[in-house]
Amino acid sequence: MKAQKLKKLKSEETIVTVSVENLGTTKEREEVIQVRVFATEPARITVRKGVTIPVGDFQFARVDVELSLPCYREEVKRAYPLVANWVEDKVKEEITLITKD
């Protein structure tokens, strides 16, 4: 079987602002990310998950995490579990931050 070469994908860097609101307090931070350049119009996978958490005295906190990933149509089947798992992990992280006491 002949080994296949992987093509180097074109990408650019950009800065995004991540905003997290927790019990009325908003924190923002900037992150540098790689942005993939597509040769054609990409498909898009979007996964969103939310949960409402009781925090005591009839008060609740809401966590919503959404990730949208552009990809080529032939990559959707492989990329979907990556997006879904990332969202699930982030929801769990946020629940841990809210409930730690």
Protein backbone atom coordinates (compact mmCIF):
# COMPACT_ATOMS: atom_id res chain seq x y z
CA MET A 1 0.00 0.00 0.00
CA LYS A 2 1.34 3.37 -1.00
CA ALA A 3 1.71 6.00 1.75
CA GLN A 4 -0.31 9.14 1.23
CA LYS A 5 1.08 12.60 1.76
CA LEU A 6 -0.95 14.98 3.86
CA LYS A 7 -1.50 18.34 2.29
CA LYS A 8 -0.54 21.33 4.35
CA LEU A 9 -3.68 23.38 4.90
CA LYS A 10 -3.63 27.13 4.52
CA SER A 11 -4.48 28.97 7.69
CA GLU A 12 -4.30 32.42 9.15
CA GLU A 13 -4.23 33.68 12.72
CA THR A 14 -6.90 35.86 14.22
CA ILE A 15 -7.78 37.11 17.69
CA VAL A 16 -11.15 36.27 19.22
CA THR A 17 -12.70 37.56 22.41
CA VAL A 18 -14.11 34.89 24.71
CA SER A 19 -16.84 36.17 27.02
CA VAL A 20 -18.03 34.20 30.05
CA GLU A 21 -20.93 35.39 32.17
CA ASN A 22 -21.23 33.75 35.57
CA LEU A 23 -23.90 34.80 38.07
CA GLY A 24 -24.02 38.33 36.72
CA THR A 25 -20.25 38.76 36.39
CA THR A 26 -18.80 38.90 32.89
CA LYS A 27 -15.16 38.04 32.23
CA GLU A 28 -13.51 38.50 28.84
CA ARG A 29 -10.21 37.28 27.50
CA GLU A 30 -8.54 37.35 24.10
CA GLU A 31 -7.25 34.22 22.42
CA VAL A 32 -5.20 33.79 19.25
CA ILE A 33 -6.58 31.01 17.07
CA GLN A 34 -5.76 29.47 13.71
CA VAL A 35 -8.40 30.02 11.05
CA ARG A 36 -8.53 27.53 8.21
CA VAL A 37 -8.86 28.96 4.70
CA PHE A 38 -11.28 26.97 2.51
CA ALA A 39 -11.03 26.60 -1.26
CA THR A 40 -14.82 26.18 -1.58
CA GLU A 41 -17.89 26.99 0.51
CA PRO A 42 -17.60 24.81 3.64
CA ALA A 43 -20.26 22.83 5.43
CA ARG A 44 -20.83 23.81 9.06
CA ILE A 45 -21.30 21.62 12.11
CA THR A 46 -22.93 23.33 15.09
CA VAL A 47 -23.50 21.68 18.46
CA ARG A 48 -25.10 23.45 21.40
CA LYS A 49 -25.75 22.11 24.88
CA GLY A 50 -27.17 23.83 27.92
CA VAL A 51 -27.95 22.96 31.48
CA THR A 52 -29.60 24.77 34.39
CA ILE A 53 -27.95 24.19 37.76
CA PRO A 54 -29.47 24.85 41.19
CA VAL A 55 -27.06 26.96 43.25
CA GLY A 56 -29.11 27.21 46.44
CA ASP A 57 -31.91 29.27 47.95
CA PHE A 58 -34.12 28.82 44.86
CA GLN A 59 -31.42 30.33 42.63
CA PHE A 60 -30.21 28.79 39.41
CA ALA A 61 -27.29 29.25 37.04
CA ARG A 62 -27.50 28.52 33.33
CA VAL A 63 -24.61 27.17 31.25
CA ASP A 64 -24.84 27.20 27.45
CA VAL A 65 -21.95 26.16 25.23
CA GLU A 66 -22.02 26.24 21.45
CA LEU A 67 -19.35 25.45 18.90
CA SER A 68 -19.68 25.87 15.17
CA LEU A 69 -16.98 24.30 12.99
CA PRO A 70 -16.65 24.82 9.26
CA CYS A 71 -15.38 21.80 7.34
CA TYR A 72 -15.58 20.17 3.95
CA ARG A 73 -18.66 17.97 3.43
CA GLU A 74 -16.53 14.83 3.26
CA GLU A 75 -15.14 15.66 6.74
CA VAL A 76 -18.51 16.02 8.52
CA LYS A 77 -18.77 12.40 9.71
CA ARG A 78 -15.30 12.53 11.27
CA ALA A 79 -15.59 16.09 12.63
CA TYR A 80 -19.00 15.85 14.35
CA PRO A 81 -17.83 13.70 17.30
CA LEU A 82 -14.92 16.10 17.87
CA VAL A 83 -17.30 19.07 18.10
CA ALA A 84 -19.83 17.22 20.27
CA ASN A 85 -17.15 15.99 22.69
CA TRP A 86 -15.59 19.46 22.95
CA VAL A 87 -18.98 21.00 23.82
CA GLU A 88 -19.68 18.28 26.40
CA ASP A 89 -16.26 18.80 28.03
CA LYS A 90 -16.75 22.58 28.21
CA VAL A 91 -20.19 22.20 29.80
CA LYS A 92 -18.69 19.91 32.45
CA GLU A 93 -15.87 22.42 33.10
CA GLU A 94 -18.36 25.25 33.57
CA ILE A 95 -20.53 23.14 35.91
CA THR A 96 -17.44 22.40 38.00
CA LEU A 97 -16.57 26.12 38.21
CA ILE A 98 -20.11 27.03 39.28
CA THR A 99 -20.58 24.25 41.82
CA LYS A 100 -17.17 24.32 43.51
CA ASP A 101 -17.62 25.35 47.12
